[in-house]
Amino acid sequence: MSNIQIKKGCIYYYGNPAGYVKEQNTVVDIMFQKEELKQWLSEKNLSATWTDGVFERLFRGEKLAELNGEIKPLKKVRIWQLKANSDFALRFISLEESQKKFGEPRIENYETVYDGELATNDLEGIYTKFNIDHPYGYEGHSLSMSDVVELYDDEGSVFHYVDQFGFKGIGFKQLKQDMQIKM
């Protein structure tokens, strides 16, 4: 009997829910990114997207309920923080102040410090997660003013600037598309 199996759309690695199958693609928690599993997926002609938070959601049964259409799917989350070489004056300021001094936040000043799945799309819940209990693989500082939270799925992205009080939507998406066109 194999140590890796697919049951009802869920990939089990040594009995642990490691990922799930969506069409001919798989989404697998980054902590299971092992040669044995990579090879097994390759033999099954399945491509893998390695992301954080999958195990946690599968373990709690949320992702399986989502795959079976029992609950609304959660979006993935990216956390953007200012690059080390960006203007220091951009840091830890409100959106209004940033817009007055520098214009709209520009994606080229930011880098992605987290990309994965969480158990919530509630912005306050995300803020708490990235300040109290950093998820596996998180490489940034605690979430603070001037950071950007992106919620995304196959249909697109929505960007939220971490402001002095709460969050404000920003038009990061257009800037990102413009940047890709230039590349």
C-alpha atoms as a PDB file:
ATOM      1  CA  MET A   1       0.000   0.000   0.000  1.00  0.00           C
ATOM      2  CA  SER A   2       1.320   3.414  -0.997  1.00  0.00           C
ATOM      3  CA  ASN A   3       2.160   6.062   1.562  1.00  0.00           C
ATOM      4  CA  ILE A   4       0.580   8.638  -0.764  1.00  0.00           C
ATOM      5  CA  GLN A   5      -3.063   8.413  -1.806  1.00  0.00           C
ATOM      6  CA  ILE A   6      -5.901  10.466  -3.243  1.00  0.00           C
ATOM      7  CA  LYS A   7      -9.282  10.001  -1.579  1.00  0.00           C
ATOM      8  CA  LYS A   8     -12.296  12.140  -2.501  1.00  0.00           C
ATOM      9  CA  GLY A   9     -10.076  14.823  -4.012  1.00  0.00           C
ATOM     10  CA  CYS A  10      -7.741  15.014  -1.013  1.00  0.00           C
ATOM     11  CA  ILE A  11      -4.069  14.002  -1.197  1.00  0.00           C
ATOM     12  CA  TYR A  12      -2.897  12.088   1.856  1.00  0.00           C
ATOM     13  CA  TYR A  13       0.837  11.874   2.572  1.00  0.00           C
ATOM     14  CA  TYR A  14       1.552   9.217   5.210  1.00  0.00           C
ATOM     15  CA  GLY A  15      -2.005   9.632   6.464  1.00  0.00           C
ATOM     16  CA  ASN A  16      -1.856  13.432   6.674  1.00  0.00           C
ATOM     17  CA  PRO A  17      -4.063  15.632   4.472  1.00  0.00           C
ATOM     18  CA  ALA A  18      -1.347  17.335   2.426  1.00  0.00           C
ATOM     19  CA  GLY A  19      -3.262  18.853  -0.479  1.00  0.00           C
ATOM     20  CA  TYR A  20      -6.138  18.547  -2.885  1.00  0.00           C
ATOM     21  CA  VAL A  21      -6.769  17.929  -6.572  1.00  0.00           C
ATOM     22  CA  LYS A  22      -8.504  20.506  -8.719  1.00  0.00           C
ATOM     23  CA  GLU A  23      -8.883  19.280 -12.331  1.00  0.00           C
ATOM     24  CA  GLN A  24      -5.369  18.130 -13.363  1.00  0.00           C
ATOM     25  CA  ASN A  25      -3.686  20.451 -10.882  1.00  0.00           C
ATOM     26  CA  THR A  26      -2.955  20.003  -7.210  1.00  0.00           C
ATOM     27  CA  VAL A  27      -2.554  22.472  -4.389  1.00  0.00           C
ATOM     28  CA  VAL A  28      -0.239  21.068  -1.733  1.00  0.00           C
ATOM     29  CA  ASP A  29       0.914  22.543   1.566  1.00  0.00           C
ATOM     30  CA  ILE A  30       4.507  23.749   1.351  1.00  0.00           C
ATOM     31  CA  MET A  31       5.529  21.717   4.410  1.00  0.00           C
ATOM     32  CA  PHE A  32       5.018  18.539   2.335  1.00  0.00           C
ATOM     33  CA  GLN A  33       7.299  19.678  -0.498  1.00  0.00           C
ATOM     34  CA  LYS A  34       9.379  16.476  -0.483  1.00  0.00           C
ATOM     35  CA  GLU A  35      11.021  14.657  -3.399  1.00  0.00           C
ATOM     36  CA  GLU A  36       8.898  11.553  -2.781  1.00  0.00           C
ATOM     37  CA  LEU A  37       5.653  13.515  -3.152  1.00  0.00           C
ATOM     38  CA  LYS A  38       6.948  15.537  -6.114  1.00  0.00           C
ATOM     39  CA  GLN A  39       7.867  12.316  -7.920  1.00  0.00           C
ATOM     40  CA  TRP A  40       4.503  10.694  -7.117  1.00  0.00           C
ATOM     41  CA  LEU A  41       2.628  13.715  -8.482  1.00  0.00           C
ATOM     42  CA  SER A  42       4.782  13.700 -11.594  1.00  0.00           C
ATOM     43  CA  GLU A  43       4.046  10.001 -12.163  1.00  0.00           C
ATOM     44  CA  LYS A  44       0.310  10.789 -11.921  1.00  0.00           C
ATOM     45  CA  ASN A  45       0.750  13.659 -14.447  1.00  0.00           C
ATOM     46  CA  LEU A  46      -0.401  16.187 -11.847  1.00  0.00           C
ATOM     47  CA  SER A  47       1.164  19.626 -11.629  1.00  0.00           C
ATOM     48  CA  ALA A  48       1.559  21.078  -8.142  1.00  0.00           C
ATOM     49  CA  THR A  49       1.156  24.516  -6.659  1.00  0.00           C
ATOM     50  CA  TRP A  50       2.946  24.615  -3.300  1.00  0.00           C
ATOM     51  CA  THR A  51       1.306  26.967  -0.840  1.00  0.00           C
ATOM     52  CA  ASP A  52       0.984  27.564   2.872  1.00  0.00           C
ATOM     53  CA  GLY A  53      -2.128  26.949   4.982  1.00  0.00           C
ATOM     54  CA  VAL A  54      -3.534  24.013   3.016  1.00  0.00           C
ATOM     55  CA  PHE A  55      -2.855  21.376   5.685  1.00  0.00           C
ATOM     56  CA  GLU A  56      -4.530  23.487   8.365  1.00  0.00           C
ATOM     57  CA  ARG A  57      -7.703  23.965   6.301  1.00  0.00           C
ATOM     58  CA  LEU A  58      -7.835  20.308   5.239  1.00  0.00           C
ATOM     59  CA  PHE A  59      -7.255  19.115   8.786  1.00  0.00           C
ATOM     60  CA  ARG A  60     -10.208  21.169  10.016  1.00  0.00           C
ATOM     61  CA  GLY A  61     -12.337  19.881   7.122  1.00  0.00           C
ATOM     62  CA  GLU A  62     -12.902  23.341   5.649  1.00  0.00           C
ATOM     63  CA  LYS A  63     -11.206  22.790   2.302  1.00  0.00           C
ATOM     64  CA  LEU A  64     -12.997  19.471   1.720  1.00  0.00           C
ATOM     65  CA  ALA A  65     -16.349  21.138   2.425  1.00  0.00           C
ATOM     66  CA  GLU A  66     -15.379  23.873  -0.024  1.00  0.00           C
ATOM     67  CA  LEU A  67     -14.395  21.347  -2.710  1.00  0.00           C
ATOM     68  CA  ASN A  68     -17.724  19.555  -2.250  1.00  0.00           C
ATOM     69  CA  GLY A  69     -19.610  22.858  -2.666  1.00  0.00           C
ATOM     70  CA  GLU A  70     -20.811  22.920   0.943  1.00  0.00           C
ATOM     71  CA  ILE A  71     -19.252  26.308   1.749  1.00  0.00           C
ATOM     72  CA  LYS A  72     -18.126  29.363  -0.212  1.00  0.00           C
ATOM     73  CA  PRO A  73     -14.457  29.112  -1.202  1.00  0.00           C
ATOM     74  CA  LEU A  74     -11.962  31.342   0.534  1.00  0.00           C
ATOM     75  CA  LYS A  75      -9.619  33.501  -1.477  1.00  0.00           C
ATOM     76  CA  LYS A  76      -5.859  33.142  -1.200  1.00  0.00           C
ATOM     77  CA  VAL A  77      -3.856  35.812   0.598  1.00  0.00           C
ATOM     78  CA  ARG A  78      -0.695  37.689  -0.359  1.00  0.00           C
ATOM     79  CA  ILE A  79       1.024  40.094   1.995  1.00  0.00           C
ATOM     80  CA  TRP A  80       3.010  42.899   0.378  1.00  0.00           C
ATOM     81  CA  GLN A  81       5.561  44.923   2.339  1.00  0.00           C
ATOM     82  CA  LEU A  82       7.853  47.733   1.271  1.00  0.00           C
ATOM     83  CA  LYS A  83      11.209  46.623  -0.123  1.00  0.00           C
ATOM     84  CA  ALA A  84      14.296  47.316   1.983  1.00  0.00           C
ATOM     85  CA  ASN A  85      15.596  49.772  -0.634  1.00  0.00           C
ATOM     86  CA  SER A  86      12.332  51.748  -0.946  1.00  0.00           C
ATOM     87  CA  ASP A  87      12.088  55.329   0.328  1.00  0.00           C
ATOM     88  CA  PHE A  88      11.987  55.169   4.130  1.00  0.00           C
ATOM     89  CA  ALA A  89       9.421  57.994   4.191  1.00  0.00           C
ATOM     90  CA  LEU A  90       6.851  55.548   2.695  1.00  0.00           C
ATOM     91  CA  ARG A  91       6.899  53.403   5.810  1.00  0.00           C
ATOM     92  CA  PHE A  92       4.283  53.380   8.544  1.00  0.00           C
ATOM     93  CA  ILE A  93       2.183  56.250   7.175  1.00  0.00           C
ATOM     94  CA  SER A  94      -1.536  56.478   6.493  1.00  0.00           C
ATOM     95  CA  LEU A  95      -2.867  56.076   2.964  1.00  0.00           C
ATOM     96  CA  GLU A  96      -4.021  59.696   2.906  1.00  0.00           C
ATOM     97  CA  GLU A  97      -0.566  60.964   3.888  1.00  0.00           C
ATOM     98  CA  SER A  98       1.098  58.630   1.384  1.00  0.00           C
ATOM     99  CA  GLN A  99      -1.192  59.835  -1.415  1.00  0.00           C
ATOM    100  CA  LYS A 100      -0.511  63.510  -0.574  1.00  0.00           C
ATOM    101  CA  LYS A 101       3.272  63.098  -0.506  1.00  0.00           C
ATOM    102  CA  PHE A 102       3.894  60.341  -3.067  1.00  0.00           C
ATOM    103  CA  GLY A 103       0.682  59.607  -4.990  1.00  0.00           C
ATOM    104  CA  GLU A 104      -0.942  56.184  -5.054  1.00  0.00           C
ATOM    105  CA  PRO A 105       1.066  53.278  -3.576  1.00  0.00           C
ATOM    106  CA  ARG A 106       3.192  51.739  -6.333  1.00  0.00           C
ATOM    107  CA  ILE A 107       3.664  48.000  -6.589  1.00  0.00           C
ATOM    108  CA  GLU A 108       7.303  48.354  -7.635  1.00  0.00           C
ATOM    109  CA  ASN A 109       8.065  49.617  -4.101  1.00  0.00           C
ATOM    110  CA  TYR A 110       6.694  46.384  -2.599  1.00  0.00           C
ATOM    111  CA  GLU A 111       7.610  42.717  -2.422  1.00  0.00           C
ATOM    112  CA  THR A 112       5.537  39.677  -1.563  1.00  0.00           C
ATOM    113  CA  VAL A 113       6.430  38.284   1.881  1.00  0.00           C
ATOM    114  CA  TYR A 114       3.597  35.740   2.084  1.00  0.00           C
ATOM    115  CA  ASP A 115       1.437  33.879  -0.415  1.00  0.00           C
ATOM    116  CA  GLY A 116      -0.891  31.162   0.819  1.00  0.00           C
ATOM    117  CA  GLU A 117      -4.254  30.071   2.127  1.00  0.00           C
ATOM    118  CA  LEU A 118      -5.683  31.089   5.478  1.00  0.00           C
ATOM    119  CA  ALA A 119      -8.766  30.001   7.364  1.00  0.00           C
ATOM    120  CA  THR A 120     -10.318  33.457   6.883  1.00  0.00           C
ATOM    121  CA  ASN A 121     -10.719  36.305   4.429  1.00  0.00           C
ATOM    122  CA  ASP A 122     -11.709  38.701   7.203  1.00  0.00           C
ATOM    123  CA  LEU A 123      -9.160  41.524   7.108  1.00  0.00           C
ATOM    124  CA  GLU A 124      -9.134  41.969  10.882  1.00  0.00           C
ATOM    125  CA  GLY A 125      -8.579  38.213  11.267  1.00  0.00           C
ATOM    126  CA  ILE A 126      -5.693  38.374   8.796  1.00  0.00           C
ATOM    127  CA  TYR A 127      -4.228  41.344  10.674  1.00  0.00           C
ATOM    128  CA  THR A 128      -4.380  39.377  13.927  1.00  0.00           C
ATOM    129  CA  LYS A 129      -2.818  36.287  12.301  1.00  0.00           C
ATOM    130  CA  PHE A 130       0.150  38.272  11.004  1.00  0.00           C
ATOM    131  CA  ASN A 131       0.738  39.996  14.333  1.00  0.00           C
ATOM    132  CA  ILE A 132       0.196  37.213  16.875  1.00  0.00           C
ATOM    133  CA  ASP A 133       0.628  33.836  15.171  1.00  0.00           C
ATOM    134  CA  HIS A 134       2.691  34.176  11.989  1.00  0.00           C
ATOM    135  CA  PRO A 135       1.931  31.339   9.553  1.00  0.00           C
ATOM    136  CA  TYR A 136       4.587  28.883   8.417  1.00  0.00           C
ATOM    137  CA  GLY A 137       6.775  30.398   5.720  1.00  0.00           C
ATOM    138  CA  TYR A 138       6.033  34.030   6.590  1.00  0.00           C
ATOM    139  CA  GLU A 139       9.152  36.130   6.014  1.00  0.00           C
ATOM    140  CA  GLY A 140       7.979  39.648   6.854  1.00  0.00           C
ATOM    141  CA  HIS A 141       7.563  41.827   9.911  1.00  0.00           C
ATOM    142  CA  SER A 142       4.287  42.020  11.830  1.00  0.00           C
ATOM    143  CA  LEU A 143       1.558  43.547   9.685  1.00  0.00           C
ATOM    144  CA  SER A 144       1.526  47.316  10.074  1.00  0.00           C
ATOM    145  CA  MET A 145       0.531  50.580   8.453  1.00  0.00           C
ATOM    146  CA  SER A 146       1.678  50.880   4.797  1.00  0.00           C
ATOM    147  CA  ASP A 147       1.565  47.095   4.192  1.00  0.00           C
ATOM    148  CA  VAL A 148      -0.863  45.719   1.599  1.00  0.00           C
ATOM    149  CA  VAL A 149      -3.118  42.654   1.910  1.00  0.00           C
ATOM    150  CA  GLU A 150      -4.197  41.055  -1.374  1.00  0.00           C
ATOM    151  CA  LEU A 151      -7.144  38.655  -1.517  1.00  0.00           C
ATOM    152  CA  TYR A 152      -7.205  36.768  -4.807  1.00  0.00           C
ATOM    153  CA  ASP A 153      -8.672  33.851  -6.726  1.00  0.00           C
ATOM    154  CA  ASP A 154      -9.056  32.817 -10.370  1.00  0.00           C
ATOM    155  CA  GLU A 155     -11.362  35.784 -10.961  1.00  0.00           C
ATOM    156  CA  GLY A 156      -8.923  38.474  -9.817  1.00  0.00           C
ATOM    157  CA  SER A 157      -7.434  40.370  -6.912  1.00  0.00           C
ATOM    158  CA  VAL A 158      -8.522  42.983  -4.412  1.00  0.00           C
ATOM    159  CA  PHE A 159      -5.869  45.016  -2.583  1.00  0.00           C
ATOM    160  CA  HIS A 160      -6.217  46.559   0.876  1.00  0.00           C
ATOM    161  CA  TYR A 161      -3.815  49.108   2.338  1.00  0.00           C
ATOM    162  CA  VAL A 162      -3.244  48.674   6.080  1.00  0.00           C
ATOM    163  CA  ASP A 163      -4.224  52.142   7.267  1.00  0.00           C
ATOM    164  CA  GLN A 164      -4.146  54.006  10.558  1.00  0.00           C
ATOM    165  CA  PHE A 165      -7.552  52.576  11.467  1.00  0.00           C
ATOM    166  CA  GLY A 166      -8.523  49.489   9.495  1.00  0.00           C
ATOM    167  CA  PHE A 167      -8.012  48.958   5.780  1.00  0.00           C
ATOM    168  CA  LYS A 168      -8.610  50.969   2.602  1.00  0.00           C
ATOM    169  CA  GLY A 169      -8.998  49.532  -0.885  1.00  0.00           C
ATOM    170  CA  ILE A 170      -6.339  50.601  -3.384  1.00  0.00           C
ATOM    171  CA  GLY A 171      -5.843  50.208  -7.124  1.00  0.00           C
ATOM    172  CA  PHE A 172      -2.693  48.086  -6.953  1.00  0.00           C
ATOM    173  CA  LYS A 173      -4.099  45.691  -9.578  1.00  0.00           C
ATOM    174  CA  GLN A 174      -3.861  48.139 -12.459  1.00  0.00           C
ATOM    175  CA  LEU A 175      -0.288  49.015 -11.566  1.00  0.00           C
ATOM    176  CA  LYS A 176       0.596  45.319 -11.493  1.00  0.00           C
ATOM    177  CA  GLN A 177      -0.877  44.776 -14.968  1.00  0.00           C
ATOM    178  CA  ASP A 178       0.996  47.807 -16.315  1.00  0.00           C
ATOM    179  CA  MET A 179       4.224  46.432 -14.848  1.00  0.00           C
ATOM    180  CA  GLN A 180       3.698  43.035 -16.491  1.00  0.00           C
ATOM    181  CA  ILE A 181       3.106  44.680 -19.866  1.00  0.00           C
ATOM    182  CA  LYS A 182       6.393  46.614 -19.575  1.00  0.00           C
ATOM    183  CA  MET A 183       8.280  43.420 -18.783  1.00  0.00           C
END
